[in-house]
Amino acid sequence: MSTAHRLPDDIAARVRDGERVELPDEGAAVVPLADLRLLEEIEDREDAAAAAEALAEGGETISAEDLFRELGV
């Protein structure tokens, strides 16, 4: 996540008031911080569920050191 440049005052005010503002020419949107936090929480829960599912499958494990070596990192 990155921090944007200063928003125009009218857009910043709309977002502060809880509005989601689309910027179609940029293919982007500006959302209230609470919305961003909720999206991050949803992503974290999805990641945790995927990790639990992968662990439940069992199978061979590999250490981080071996993985890094295989990846050439």
N, C-alpha and C. Protein backbone atom coordinates (compact mmCIF):
# COMPACT_ATOMS: atom_id res chain seq x y z
N MET A 1 0.85 -1.17 0.00
CA MET A 1 0.00 0.00 0.00
C MET A 1 0.90 1.23 0.00
N SER A 2 0.47 2.24 -0.73
CA SER A 2 1.25 3.46 -0.77
C SER A 2 0.39 4.66 -0.40
N THR A 3 1.05 5.73 -0.08
CA THR A 3 0.35 6.97 0.27
C THR A 3 0.28 7.84 -0.97
N ALA A 4 -0.90 8.35 -1.25
CA ALA A 4 -1.10 9.16 -2.44
C ALA A 4 -0.67 10.60 -2.20
N HIS A 5 -0.57 11.31 -3.27
CA HIS A 5 -0.34 12.75 -3.18
C HIS A 5 -1.59 13.41 -2.61
N ARG A 6 -1.50 14.66 -2.30
CA ARG A 6 -2.64 15.39 -1.73
C ARG A 6 -3.82 15.35 -2.69
N LEU A 7 -4.98 15.00 -2.13
CA LEU A 7 -6.22 14.96 -2.91
C LEU A 7 -6.83 16.35 -2.99
N PRO A 8 -7.56 16.60 -4.07
CA PRO A 8 -8.31 17.86 -4.10
C PRO A 8 -9.25 17.91 -2.90
N ASP A 9 -9.47 19.10 -2.37
CA ASP A 9 -10.26 19.27 -1.15
C ASP A 9 -11.66 18.68 -1.27
N ASP A 10 -12.30 18.81 -2.44
CA ASP A 10 -13.67 18.31 -2.56
C ASP A 10 -13.71 16.79 -2.47
N ILE A 11 -12.74 16.11 -3.06
CA ILE A 11 -12.69 14.64 -2.98
C ILE A 11 -12.36 14.20 -1.56
N ALA A 12 -11.40 14.86 -0.95
CA ALA A 12 -11.01 14.51 0.42
C ALA A 12 -12.21 14.65 1.37
N ALA A 13 -12.98 15.70 1.20
CA ALA A 13 -14.15 15.93 2.06
C ALA A 13 -15.19 14.83 1.86
N ARG A 14 -15.41 14.44 0.61
CA ARG A 14 -16.39 13.38 0.33
C ARG A 14 -15.96 12.07 0.98
N VAL A 15 -14.68 11.76 0.90
CA VAL A 15 -14.17 10.51 1.48
C VAL A 15 -14.25 10.58 3.01
N ARG A 16 -13.90 11.72 3.58
CA ARG A 16 -14.03 11.88 5.03
C ARG A 16 -15.46 11.67 5.50
N ASP A 17 -16.42 12.02 4.64
CA ASP A 17 -17.84 11.84 4.97
C ASP A 17 -18.32 10.42 4.72
N GLY A 18 -17.39 9.53 4.35
CA GLY A 18 -17.73 8.12 4.19
C GLY A 18 -18.05 7.69 2.76
N GLU A 19 -17.91 8.58 1.81
CA GLU A 19 -18.23 8.26 0.42
C GLU A 19 -17.04 7.56 -0.25
N ARG A 20 -17.34 6.64 -1.14
CA ARG A 20 -16.33 6.01 -1.99
C ARG A 20 -16.34 6.76 -3.31
N VAL A 21 -15.19 7.27 -3.72
CA VAL A 21 -15.11 8.10 -4.91
C VAL A 21 -14.35 7.35 -6.00
N GLU A 22 -15.01 7.12 -7.13
CA GLU A 22 -14.38 6.44 -8.25
C GLU A 22 -13.62 7.46 -9.11
N LEU A 23 -12.46 7.03 -9.59
CA LEU A 23 -11.65 7.82 -10.51
C LEU A 23 -11.50 6.99 -11.78
N PRO A 24 -12.54 6.95 -12.61
CA PRO A 24 -12.55 6.02 -13.74
C PRO A 24 -11.40 6.23 -14.73
N ASP A 25 -10.98 7.46 -14.95
CA ASP A 25 -9.88 7.69 -15.90
C ASP A 25 -8.58 7.07 -15.41
N GLU A 26 -8.43 6.94 -14.09
CA GLU A 26 -7.23 6.36 -13.51
C GLU A 26 -7.42 4.87 -13.20
N GLY A 27 -8.65 4.37 -13.35
CA GLY A 27 -8.92 2.98 -12.99
C GLY A 27 -8.73 2.75 -11.51
N ALA A 28 -9.14 3.72 -10.72
CA ALA A 28 -8.89 3.66 -9.28
C ALA A 28 -10.09 4.22 -8.52
N ALA A 29 -9.99 4.13 -7.21
CA ALA A 29 -11.00 4.70 -6.33
C ALA A 29 -10.32 5.17 -5.06
N VAL A 30 -10.96 6.10 -4.39
CA VAL A 30 -10.51 6.58 -3.08
C VAL A 30 -11.61 6.19 -2.10
N VAL A 31 -11.21 5.47 -1.05
CA VAL A 31 -12.19 4.96 -0.09
C VAL A 31 -11.84 5.41 1.31
N PRO A 32 -12.85 5.47 2.18
CA PRO A 32 -12.57 5.81 3.57
C PRO A 32 -11.64 4.76 4.20
N LEU A 33 -10.88 5.18 5.17
CA LEU A 33 -9.92 4.30 5.84
C LEU A 33 -10.61 3.08 6.44
N ALA A 34 -11.80 3.24 6.97
CA ALA A 34 -12.53 2.10 7.55
C ALA A 34 -12.81 1.03 6.49
N ASP A 35 -13.12 1.47 5.26
CA ASP A 35 -13.35 0.51 4.18
C ASP A 35 -12.06 -0.23 3.84
N LEU A 36 -10.95 0.48 3.79
CA LEU A 36 -9.67 -0.14 3.51
C LEU A 36 -9.33 -1.17 4.57
N ARG A 37 -9.52 -0.83 5.83
CA ARG A 37 -9.23 -1.76 6.92
C ARG A 37 -10.10 -3.02 6.81
N LEU A 38 -11.37 -2.86 6.44
CA LEU A 38 -12.26 -4.00 6.28
C LEU A 38 -11.79 -4.89 5.13
N LEU A 39 -11.40 -4.29 4.02
CA LEU A 39 -10.87 -5.08 2.90
C LEU A 39 -9.62 -5.85 3.32
N GLU A 40 -8.74 -5.20 4.07
CA GLU A 40 -7.53 -5.88 4.54
C GLU A 40 -7.88 -7.04 5.47
N GLU A 41 -8.88 -6.86 6.33
CA GLU A 41 -9.29 -7.93 7.24
C GLU A 41 -9.87 -9.11 6.46
N ILE A 42 -10.66 -8.81 5.45
CA ILE A 42 -11.22 -9.88 4.61
C ILE A 42 -10.09 -10.64 3.91
N GLU A 43 -9.12 -9.93 3.36
CA GLU A 43 -7.98 -10.57 2.71
C GLU A 43 -7.20 -11.44 3.70
N ASP A 44 -6.98 -10.94 4.90
CA ASP A 44 -6.26 -11.71 5.92
C ASP A 44 -7.00 -12.99 6.26
N ARG A 45 -8.33 -12.90 6.39
CA ARG A 45 -9.11 -14.10 6.70
C ARG A 45 -9.06 -15.11 5.55
N GLU A 46 -9.13 -14.61 4.33
CA GLU A 46 -9.04 -15.51 3.16
C GLU A 46 -7.67 -16.18 3.11
N ASP A 47 -6.61 -15.42 3.39
CA ASP A 47 -5.26 -15.99 3.41
C ASP A 47 -5.13 -17.05 4.49
N ALA A 48 -5.69 -16.77 5.67
CA ALA A 48 -5.61 -17.74 6.77
C ALA A 48 -6.38 -19.01 6.43
N ALA A 49 -7.54 -18.86 5.79
CA ALA A 49 -8.32 -20.04 5.40
C ALA A 49 -7.57 -20.86 4.35
N ALA A 50 -6.95 -20.19 3.40
CA ALA A 50 -6.18 -20.90 2.37
C ALA A 50 -4.99 -21.62 2.99
N ALA A 51 -4.33 -20.99 3.95
CA ALA A 51 -3.19 -21.62 4.62
C ALA A 51 -3.65 -22.83 5.42
N ALA A 52 -4.75 -22.72 6.12
CA ALA A 52 -5.28 -23.85 6.90
C ALA A 52 -5.66 -25.00 5.97
N GLU A 53 -6.24 -24.69 4.84
CA GLU A 53 -6.61 -25.73 3.87
C GLU A 53 -5.36 -26.42 3.33
N ALA A 54 -4.34 -25.66 3.02
CA ALA A 54 -3.10 -26.24 2.50
C ALA A 54 -2.45 -27.14 3.56
N LEU A 55 -2.45 -26.70 4.80
CA LEU A 55 -1.86 -27.51 5.87
C LEU A 55 -2.67 -28.79 6.10
N ALA A 56 -3.98 -28.70 5.95
CA ALA A 56 -4.83 -29.87 6.15
C ALA A 56 -4.61 -30.93 5.08
N GLU A 57 -4.15 -30.51 3.92
CA GLU A 57 -3.88 -31.46 2.83
C GLU A 57 -2.71 -32.38 3.17
N GLY A 58 -1.87 -31.93 4.08
CA GLY A 58 -0.70 -32.72 4.45
C GLY A 58 0.36 -32.65 3.36
N GLY A 59 1.17 -33.67 3.32
CA GLY A 59 2.22 -33.71 2.31
C GLY A 59 3.56 -33.26 2.88
N GLU A 60 4.51 -33.25 2.00
CA GLU A 60 5.88 -32.91 2.39
C GLU A 60 6.00 -31.42 2.67
N THR A 61 6.78 -31.10 3.68
CA THR A 61 7.06 -29.70 3.99
C THR A 61 8.49 -29.39 3.61
N ILE A 62 8.80 -28.10 3.53
CA ILE A 62 10.14 -27.67 3.17
C ILE A 62 10.49 -26.48 4.06
N SER A 63 11.72 -26.42 4.49
CA SER A 63 12.13 -25.30 5.34
C SER A 63 12.25 -24.04 4.48
N ALA A 64 12.17 -22.91 5.13
CA ALA A 64 12.33 -21.64 4.43
C ALA A 64 13.72 -21.58 3.78
N GLU A 65 14.71 -22.06 4.50
CA GLU A 65 16.08 -22.06 3.98
C GLU A 65 16.18 -22.85 2.67
N ASP A 66 15.58 -24.04 2.65
CA ASP A 66 15.59 -24.86 1.42
C ASP A 66 14.80 -24.19 0.30
N LEU A 67 13.68 -23.60 0.64
CA LEU A 67 12.87 -22.92 -0.36
C LEU A 67 13.65 -21.79 -0.98
N PHE A 68 14.28 -20.97 -0.16
CA PHE A 68 15.07 -19.84 -0.67
C PHE A 68 16.19 -20.33 -1.56
N ARG A 69 16.82 -21.41 -1.16
CA ARG A 69 17.90 -21.98 -1.97
C ARG A 69 17.36 -22.42 -3.33
N GLU A 70 16.22 -23.10 -3.32
CA GLU A 70 15.61 -23.55 -4.59
C GLU A 70 15.23 -22.37 -5.48
N LEU A 71 14.80 -21.28 -4.87
CA LEU A 71 14.40 -20.11 -5.62
C LEU A 71 15.57 -19.21 -6.00
N GLY A 72 16.74 -19.53 -5.46
CA GLY A 72 17.92 -18.71 -5.75
C GLY A 72 17.91 -17.37 -5.07
N VAL A 73 17.27 -17.34 -3.89
CA VAL A 73 17.17 -16.07 -3.16
C VAL A 73 18.22 -16.04 -2.07
